[in-house]
Amino acid sequence: MSSSPGAPRKNCRLRKKSSAGLPACEALPPISSGRPISLASSRRLEFDHLVTTAGTPPPGEPIEALDLDVIRRFVDNKLIGTIALAKHASPYLKRGGSMTITSGINKDRPPVPGGAVVAAIAGSFSYFAHGLALELAPSRVNVVSPGWVDTPMWDVLVGSAKSGYLKDMAGRLPAGRIATLADVVSAYIYLMESDFTTGETIHVDGGQRLI
């Protein structure tokens, strides 16, 4: 997990505003190694905004105990997957549109032991966005970096201990609570709608980087 625990990877484009006034998201086909996204065949040749989120459990062993095959799969899923998405999607991104990548708090507060790899991958997204924002200009590329978010990923990571983990962190955060998905969604919407924001990393962590 190079981002905070969240939903499984979803790649989507903004279609229109929903009845609630929020941008509606349409899922794109999953990315397979070496297989281009089949936007042309589905007659959806162009889109305005693309968001990629990720929430796969990270390797957590100390550096001397890491399984390199596991690390390679994690890097393929997180970093290479994001690069592949940008490669195949960029020809269809409308001029002035945006791509938004999800990073996470582990780049700023890596768990010890076992956080070195996830910190490296999560931290790389900001630098990737810097370069890609210049390459795709005037289209925009940004990163959202959530802190801990109350999602089902915590059930996978810590099982029945989830409520205790989240309660403890909520008591330490300046915001006084754990984020919900709704808290994080607003950052993505801002980056899609802000025509003058590019190459930036927006932190939505309730002050978790400060503690």
C-alpha atoms as a PDB file:
ATOM      1  CA  MET A   1       0.000   0.000   0.000  1.00  0.00           C
ATOM      2  CA  SER A   2       1.797   3.047  -1.129  1.00  0.00           C
ATOM      3  CA  SER A   3      -1.273   4.972  -0.195  1.00  0.00           C
ATOM      4  CA  SER A   4      -3.317   4.822   2.932  1.00  0.00           C
ATOM      5  CA  PRO A   5      -5.694   1.858   3.220  1.00  0.00           C
ATOM      6  CA  GLY A   6      -8.445   2.451   0.721  1.00  0.00           C
ATOM      7  CA  ALA A   7     -10.491   0.943  -2.048  1.00  0.00           C
ATOM      8  CA  PRO A   8      -9.061  -1.441  -4.622  1.00  0.00           C
ATOM      9  CA  ARG A   9      -7.513   0.133  -7.678  1.00  0.00           C
ATOM     10  CA  LYS A  10     -10.061   1.856  -9.863  1.00  0.00           C
ATOM     11  CA  ASN A  11      -9.299   3.857 -12.961  1.00  0.00           C
ATOM     12  CA  CYS A  12     -12.050   6.180 -14.005  1.00  0.00           C
ATOM     13  CA  ARG A  13     -12.875   9.233 -15.995  1.00  0.00           C
ATOM     14  CA  LEU A  14     -15.191  12.092 -15.140  1.00  0.00           C
ATOM     15  CA  ARG A  15     -18.359  11.981 -17.239  1.00  0.00           C
ATOM     16  CA  LYS A  16     -20.753  14.562 -15.846  1.00  0.00           C
ATOM     17  CA  LYS A  17     -22.163  15.752 -12.573  1.00  0.00           C
ATOM     18  CA  SER A  18     -24.447  13.382 -10.736  1.00  0.00           C
ATOM     19  CA  SER A  19     -27.865  14.278  -9.374  1.00  0.00           C
ATOM     20  CA  ALA A  20     -26.121  15.169  -6.113  1.00  0.00           C
ATOM     21  CA  GLY A  21     -23.969  17.728  -7.916  1.00  0.00           C
ATOM     22  CA  LEU A  22     -20.773  15.665  -7.678  1.00  0.00           C
ATOM     23  CA  PRO A  23     -18.735  14.492 -10.656  1.00  0.00           C
ATOM     24  CA  ALA A  24     -19.823  11.050 -11.807  1.00  0.00           C
ATOM     25  CA  CYS A  25     -17.119   8.491 -12.412  1.00  0.00           C
ATOM     26  CA  GLU A  26     -17.138   5.898 -15.171  1.00  0.00           C
ATOM     27  CA  ALA A  27     -14.901   2.872 -14.769  1.00  0.00           C
ATOM     28  CA  LEU A  28     -12.315   2.146 -17.439  1.00  0.00           C
ATOM     29  CA  PRO A  29     -11.096  -1.344 -18.342  1.00  0.00           C
ATOM     30  CA  PRO A  30      -8.476  -2.912 -16.046  1.00  0.00           C
ATOM     31  CA  ILE A  31      -4.838  -2.552 -17.031  1.00  0.00           C
ATOM     32  CA  SER A  32      -2.945  -5.694 -17.945  1.00  0.00           C
ATOM     33  CA  SER A  33       0.770  -5.795 -18.592  1.00  0.00           C
ATOM     34  CA  GLY A  34       1.409  -4.800 -22.185  1.00  0.00           C
ATOM     35  CA  ARG A  35      -2.288  -4.520 -23.056  1.00  0.00           C
ATOM     36  CA  PRO A  36      -3.476  -1.019 -24.059  1.00  0.00           C
ATOM     37  CA  ILE A  37      -6.693   0.352 -22.631  1.00  0.00           C
ATOM     38  CA  SER A  38      -9.367  -0.270 -25.251  1.00  0.00           C
ATOM     39  CA  LEU A  39     -10.931   3.181 -25.265  1.00  0.00           C
ATOM     40  CA  ALA A  40     -11.073   3.317 -29.049  1.00  0.00           C
ATOM     41  CA  SER A  41     -13.003   0.076 -29.368  1.00  0.00           C
ATOM     42  CA  SER A  42     -15.582   1.327 -26.890  1.00  0.00           C
ATOM     43  CA  ARG A  43     -16.012   4.569 -28.888  1.00  0.00           C
ATOM     44  CA  ARG A  44     -14.957   6.684 -25.922  1.00  0.00           C
ATOM     45  CA  LEU A  45     -12.037   8.323 -27.633  1.00  0.00           C
ATOM     46  CA  GLU A  46     -11.480  11.240 -25.298  1.00  0.00           C
ATOM     47  CA  PHE A  47     -12.022  12.038 -21.658  1.00  0.00           C
ATOM     48  CA  ASP A  48     -11.532  15.050 -19.398  1.00  0.00           C
ATOM     49  CA  HIS A  49     -10.227  13.621 -16.141  1.00  0.00           C
ATOM     50  CA  LEU A  50      -8.642  10.414 -14.954  1.00  0.00           C
ATOM     51  CA  VAL A  51      -8.202   9.331 -11.342  1.00  0.00           C
ATOM     52  CA  THR A  52      -6.311   6.290 -10.155  1.00  0.00           C
ATOM     53  CA  THR A  53      -6.674   5.028  -6.600  1.00  0.00           C
ATOM     54  CA  ALA A  54      -4.955   2.097  -4.966  1.00  0.00           C
ATOM     55  CA  GLY A  55      -5.220   0.144  -1.756  1.00  0.00           C
ATOM     56  CA  THR A  56      -3.312  -3.097  -1.979  1.00  0.00           C
ATOM     57  CA  PRO A  57      -1.727  -4.500   1.199  1.00  0.00           C
ATOM     58  CA  PRO A  58       1.989  -3.620   1.233  1.00  0.00           C
ATOM     59  CA  PRO A  59       4.947  -5.794   2.110  1.00  0.00           C
ATOM     60  CA  GLY A  60       5.692  -5.233   5.785  1.00  0.00           C
ATOM     61  CA  GLU A  61       8.723  -7.334   6.592  1.00  0.00           C
ATOM     62  CA  PRO A  62      12.031  -5.835   7.766  1.00  0.00           C
ATOM     63  CA  ILE A  63      14.404  -5.120   4.907  1.00  0.00           C
ATOM     64  CA  GLU A  64      16.562  -8.198   5.550  1.00  0.00           C
ATOM     65  CA  ALA A  65      13.509 -10.480   5.384  1.00  0.00           C
ATOM     66  CA  LEU A  66      11.892  -9.087   2.229  1.00  0.00           C
ATOM     67  CA  ASP A  67      10.928 -11.497  -0.528  1.00  0.00           C
ATOM     68  CA  LEU A  68      12.127  -9.810  -3.727  1.00  0.00           C
ATOM     69  CA  ASP A  69       9.485 -11.557  -5.839  1.00  0.00           C
ATOM     70  CA  VAL A  70       6.790 -10.048  -3.602  1.00  0.00           C
ATOM     71  CA  ILE A  71       8.446  -6.641  -3.883  1.00  0.00           C
ATOM     72  CA  ARG A  72       8.560  -6.881  -7.687  1.00  0.00           C
ATOM     73  CA  ARG A  73       4.844  -7.664  -7.801  1.00  0.00           C
ATOM     74  CA  PHE A  74       4.133  -4.745  -5.480  1.00  0.00           C
ATOM     75  CA  VAL A  75       6.212  -2.374  -7.619  1.00  0.00           C
ATOM     76  CA  ASP A  76       4.482  -3.663 -10.765  1.00  0.00           C
ATOM     77  CA  ASN A  77       1.068  -3.108  -9.228  1.00  0.00           C
ATOM     78  CA  LYS A  78       1.729   0.316  -7.769  1.00  0.00           C
ATOM     79  CA  LEU A  79       4.387   2.120  -9.748  1.00  0.00           C
ATOM     80  CA  ILE A  80       4.500   0.368 -13.119  1.00  0.00           C
ATOM     81  CA  GLY A  81       0.703   0.147 -13.113  1.00  0.00           C
ATOM     82  CA  THR A  82       0.440   3.921 -12.711  1.00  0.00           C
ATOM     83  CA  ILE A  83       3.028   4.548 -15.425  1.00  0.00           C
ATOM     84  CA  ALA A  84       1.217   2.123 -17.762  1.00  0.00           C
ATOM     85  CA  LEU A  85      -2.068   3.899 -17.095  1.00  0.00           C
ATOM     86  CA  ALA A  86      -0.529   7.263 -17.976  1.00  0.00           C
ATOM     87  CA  LYS A  87       1.102   5.811 -21.104  1.00  0.00           C
ATOM     88  CA  HIS A  88      -2.075   4.286 -22.515  1.00  0.00           C
ATOM     89  CA  ALA A  89      -4.509   6.967 -21.348  1.00  0.00           C
ATOM     90  CA  SER A  90      -2.572  10.122 -22.253  1.00  0.00           C
ATOM     91  CA  PRO A  91      -3.406  10.008 -25.997  1.00  0.00           C
ATOM     92  CA  TYR A  92      -7.108  10.212 -25.092  1.00  0.00           C
ATOM     93  CA  LEU A  93      -6.855  12.927 -22.426  1.00  0.00           C
ATOM     94  CA  LYS A  94      -8.477  16.132 -23.652  1.00  0.00           C
ATOM     95  CA  ARG A  95      -6.245  19.183 -23.771  1.00  0.00           C
ATOM     96  CA  GLY A  96      -6.563  20.955 -20.427  1.00  0.00           C
ATOM     97  CA  GLY A  97      -7.864  17.849 -18.661  1.00  0.00           C
ATOM     98  CA  SER A  98      -6.235  16.187 -15.683  1.00  0.00           C
ATOM     99  CA  MET A  99      -4.777  13.031 -14.222  1.00  0.00           C
ATOM    100  CA  THR A 100      -4.808  12.507 -10.456  1.00  0.00           C
ATOM    101  CA  ILE A 101      -2.692   9.819  -8.774  1.00  0.00           C
ATOM    102  CA  THR A 102      -3.120   8.494  -5.238  1.00  0.00           C
ATOM    103  CA  SER A 103      -0.134   8.376  -2.887  1.00  0.00           C
ATOM    104  CA  GLY A 104      -0.388   8.199   0.904  1.00  0.00           C
ATOM    105  CA  ILE A 105       0.853   8.928   4.391  1.00  0.00           C
ATOM    106  CA  ASN A 106       3.405   6.108   4.391  1.00  0.00           C
ATOM    107  CA  LYS A 107       5.807   8.252   2.399  1.00  0.00           C
ATOM    108  CA  ASP A 108       5.810  10.762   5.277  1.00  0.00           C
ATOM    109  CA  ARG A 109       5.334   8.423   8.232  1.00  0.00           C
ATOM    110  CA  PRO A 110       6.623   4.993   7.154  1.00  0.00           C
ATOM    111  CA  PRO A 111       5.868   2.139   9.534  1.00  0.00           C
ATOM    112  CA  VAL A 112       8.891   0.690  11.328  1.00  0.00           C
ATOM    113  CA  PRO A 113      10.021  -1.897  10.596  1.00  0.00           C
ATOM    114  CA  GLY A 114       8.989  -2.696   7.056  1.00  0.00           C
ATOM    115  CA  GLY A 115       8.071   0.730   5.709  1.00  0.00           C
ATOM    116  CA  ALA A 116      11.062   1.486   3.503  1.00  0.00           C
ATOM    117  CA  VAL A 117       9.703   0.003   0.281  1.00  0.00           C
ATOM    118  CA  VAL A 118       6.195   1.415   0.590  1.00  0.00           C
ATOM    119  CA  ALA A 119       7.639   4.839   1.459  1.00  0.00           C
ATOM    120  CA  ALA A 120       9.835   4.747  -1.635  1.00  0.00           C
ATOM    121  CA  ILE A 121       6.932   3.874  -3.944  1.00  0.00           C
ATOM    122  CA  ALA A 122       4.472   6.325  -2.384  1.00  0.00           C
ATOM    123  CA  GLY A 123       7.048   9.117  -2.454  1.00  0.00           C
ATOM    124  CA  SER A 124       7.856   8.498  -6.107  1.00  0.00           C
ATOM    125  CA  PHE A 125       4.398   9.565  -7.266  1.00  0.00           C
ATOM    126  CA  SER A 126       5.013  13.227  -6.449  1.00  0.00           C
ATOM    127  CA  TYR A 127       8.141  13.276  -8.599  1.00  0.00           C
ATOM    128  CA  PHE A 128       6.368  11.376 -11.359  1.00  0.00           C
ATOM    129  CA  ALA A 129       3.625  14.022 -11.290  1.00  0.00           C
ATOM    130  CA  HIS A 130       6.223  16.817 -11.509  1.00  0.00           C
ATOM    131  CA  GLY A 131       7.687  15.419 -14.707  1.00  0.00           C
ATOM    132  CA  LEU A 132       4.421  14.325 -16.267  1.00  0.00           C
ATOM    133  CA  ALA A 133       2.778  17.696 -15.583  1.00  0.00           C
ATOM    134  CA  LEU A 134       5.459  19.330 -17.707  1.00  0.00           C
ATOM    135  CA  GLU A 135       5.227  16.680 -20.412  1.00  0.00           C
ATOM    136  CA  LEU A 136       1.431  16.779 -20.733  1.00  0.00           C
ATOM    137  CA  ALA A 137       0.936  20.537 -20.221  1.00  0.00           C
ATOM    138  CA  PRO A 138      -1.476  22.278 -20.465  1.00  0.00           C
ATOM    139  CA  SER A 139      -3.200  19.168 -19.149  1.00  0.00           C
ATOM    140  CA  ARG A 140      -2.625  18.792 -15.421  1.00  0.00           C
ATOM    141  CA  VAL A 141      -1.164  16.009 -13.275  1.00  0.00           C
ATOM    142  CA  ASN A 142      -1.506  15.978  -9.492  1.00  0.00           C
ATOM    143  CA  VAL A 143      -1.354  13.669  -6.502  1.00  0.00           C
ATOM    144  CA  VAL A 144      -3.715  13.156  -3.567  1.00  0.00           C
ATOM    145  CA  SER A 145      -2.018  11.852  -0.413  1.00  0.00           C
ATOM    146  CA  PRO A 146      -4.541  10.632   2.167  1.00  0.00           C
ATOM    147  CA  GLY A 147      -3.783   9.737   5.747  1.00  0.00           C
ATOM    148  CA  TRP A 148      -5.589   6.875   7.444  1.00  0.00           C
ATOM    149  CA  VAL A 149      -9.068   6.412   5.970  1.00  0.00           C
ATOM    150  CA  ASP A 150     -11.782   4.189   7.420  1.00  0.00           C
ATOM    151  CA  THR A 151     -12.189   1.600   4.659  1.00  0.00           C
ATOM    152  CA  PRO A 152     -12.488  -2.204   4.442  1.00  0.00           C
ATOM    153  CA  MET A 153      -8.750  -2.431   3.756  1.00  0.00           C
ATOM    154  CA  TRP A 154      -8.207  -2.194   7.509  1.00  0.00           C
ATOM    155  CA  ASP A 155     -10.189  -5.412   7.948  1.00  0.00           C
ATOM    156  CA  VAL A 156      -7.654  -7.107   5.673  1.00  0.00           C
ATOM    157  CA  LEU A 157      -4.650  -5.579   7.423  1.00  0.00           C
ATOM    158  CA  VAL A 158      -5.529  -5.919  11.113  1.00  0.00           C
ATOM    159  CA  GLY A 159      -8.833  -7.793  11.300  1.00  0.00           C
ATOM    160  CA  SER A 160     -10.756  -7.378  14.541  1.00  0.00           C
ATOM    161  CA  ALA A 161      -8.161  -4.919  15.855  1.00  0.00           C
ATOM    162  CA  LYS A 162      -9.344  -2.322  13.314  1.00  0.00           C
ATOM    163  CA  SER A 163     -11.532  -0.287  15.668  1.00  0.00           C
ATOM    164  CA  GLY A 164      -8.761  -0.029  18.251  1.00  0.00           C
ATOM    165  CA  TYR A 165      -6.190   1.115  15.698  1.00  0.00           C
ATOM    166  CA  LEU A 166      -8.497   3.770  14.277  1.00  0.00           C
ATOM    167  CA  LYS A 167      -9.641   5.002  17.698  1.00  0.00           C
ATOM    168  CA  ASP A 168      -6.053   5.387  18.863  1.00  0.00           C
ATOM    169  CA  MET A 169      -5.038   7.342  15.745  1.00  0.00           C
ATOM    170  CA  ALA A 170      -8.157   9.517  15.900  1.00  0.00           C
ATOM    171  CA  GLY A 171      -7.168  10.572  19.418  1.00  0.00           C
ATOM    172  CA  ARG A 172      -3.738  11.676  18.203  1.00  0.00           C
ATOM    173  CA  LEU A 173      -4.772  13.543  15.046  1.00  0.00           C
ATOM    174  CA  PRO A 174      -5.184  17.327  15.166  1.00  0.00           C
ATOM    175  CA  ALA A 175      -8.441  16.801  13.242  1.00  0.00           C
ATOM    176  CA  GLY A 176      -9.694  14.605  16.091  1.00  0.00           C
ATOM    177  CA  ARG A 177     -11.091  11.837  13.887  1.00  0.00           C
ATOM    178  CA  ILE A 178     -10.261   9.387  11.105  1.00  0.00           C
ATOM    179  CA  ALA A 179     -11.084  10.391   7.543  1.00  0.00           C
ATOM    180  CA  THR A 180     -14.006   8.950   5.633  1.00  0.00           C
ATOM    181  CA  LEU A 181     -14.032   8.421   1.877  1.00  0.00           C
ATOM    182  CA  ALA A 182     -16.116  11.591   1.551  1.00  0.00           C
ATOM    183  CA  ASP A 183     -13.304  13.611   3.148  1.00  0.00           C
ATOM    184  CA  VAL A 184     -10.843  12.387   0.536  1.00  0.00           C
ATOM    185  CA  VAL A 185     -13.160  12.669  -2.478  1.00  0.00           C
ATOM    186  CA  SER A 186     -13.297  16.456  -2.113  1.00  0.00           C
ATOM    187  CA  ALA A 187      -9.564  16.674  -2.838  1.00  0.00           C
ATOM    188  CA  TYR A 188      -9.940  14.789  -6.109  1.00  0.00           C
ATOM    189  CA  ILE A 189     -12.832  17.015  -7.143  1.00  0.00           C
ATOM    190  CA  TYR A 190     -10.792  20.126  -6.336  1.00  0.00           C
ATOM    191  CA  LEU A 191      -7.913  18.947  -8.514  1.00  0.00           C
ATOM    192  CA  MET A 192     -10.228  18.111 -11.393  1.00  0.00           C
ATOM    193  CA  GLU A 193     -11.892  21.511 -11.220  1.00  0.00           C
ATOM    194  CA  SER A 194      -8.858  23.717 -10.519  1.00  0.00           C
ATOM    195  CA  ASP A 195      -7.444  24.728 -13.882  1.00  0.00           C
ATOM    196  CA  PHE A 196      -4.426  26.394 -12.260  1.00  0.00           C
ATOM    197  CA  THR A 197      -3.148  23.545 -10.107  1.00  0.00           C
ATOM    198  CA  THR A 198      -0.625  21.099 -11.560  1.00  0.00           C
ATOM    199  CA  GLY A 199       2.374  19.138 -10.350  1.00  0.00           C
ATOM    200  CA  GLU A 200       1.070  19.359  -6.783  1.00  0.00           C
ATOM    201  CA  THR A 201       0.555  16.885  -3.962  1.00  0.00           C
ATOM    202  CA  ILE A 202      -2.535  17.580  -1.842  1.00  0.00           C
ATOM    203  CA  HIS A 203      -2.397  16.085   1.649  1.00  0.00           C
ATOM    204  CA  VAL A 204      -5.702  15.018   3.180  1.00  0.00           C
ATOM    205  CA  ASP A 205      -4.487  13.501   6.420  1.00  0.00           C
ATOM    206  CA  GLY A 206      -6.052  15.418   9.301  1.00  0.00           C
ATOM    207  CA  GLY A 207      -2.600  16.598  10.340  1.00  0.00           C
ATOM    208  CA  GLN A 208      -1.108  13.101  10.527  1.00  0.00           C
ATOM    209  CA  ARG A 209       2.185  14.315   9.042  1.00  0.00           C
ATOM    210  CA  LEU A 210       2.542  16.611  12.053  1.00  0.00           C
ATOM    211  CA  ILE A 211       2.499  13.949  14.731  1.00  0.00           C
END
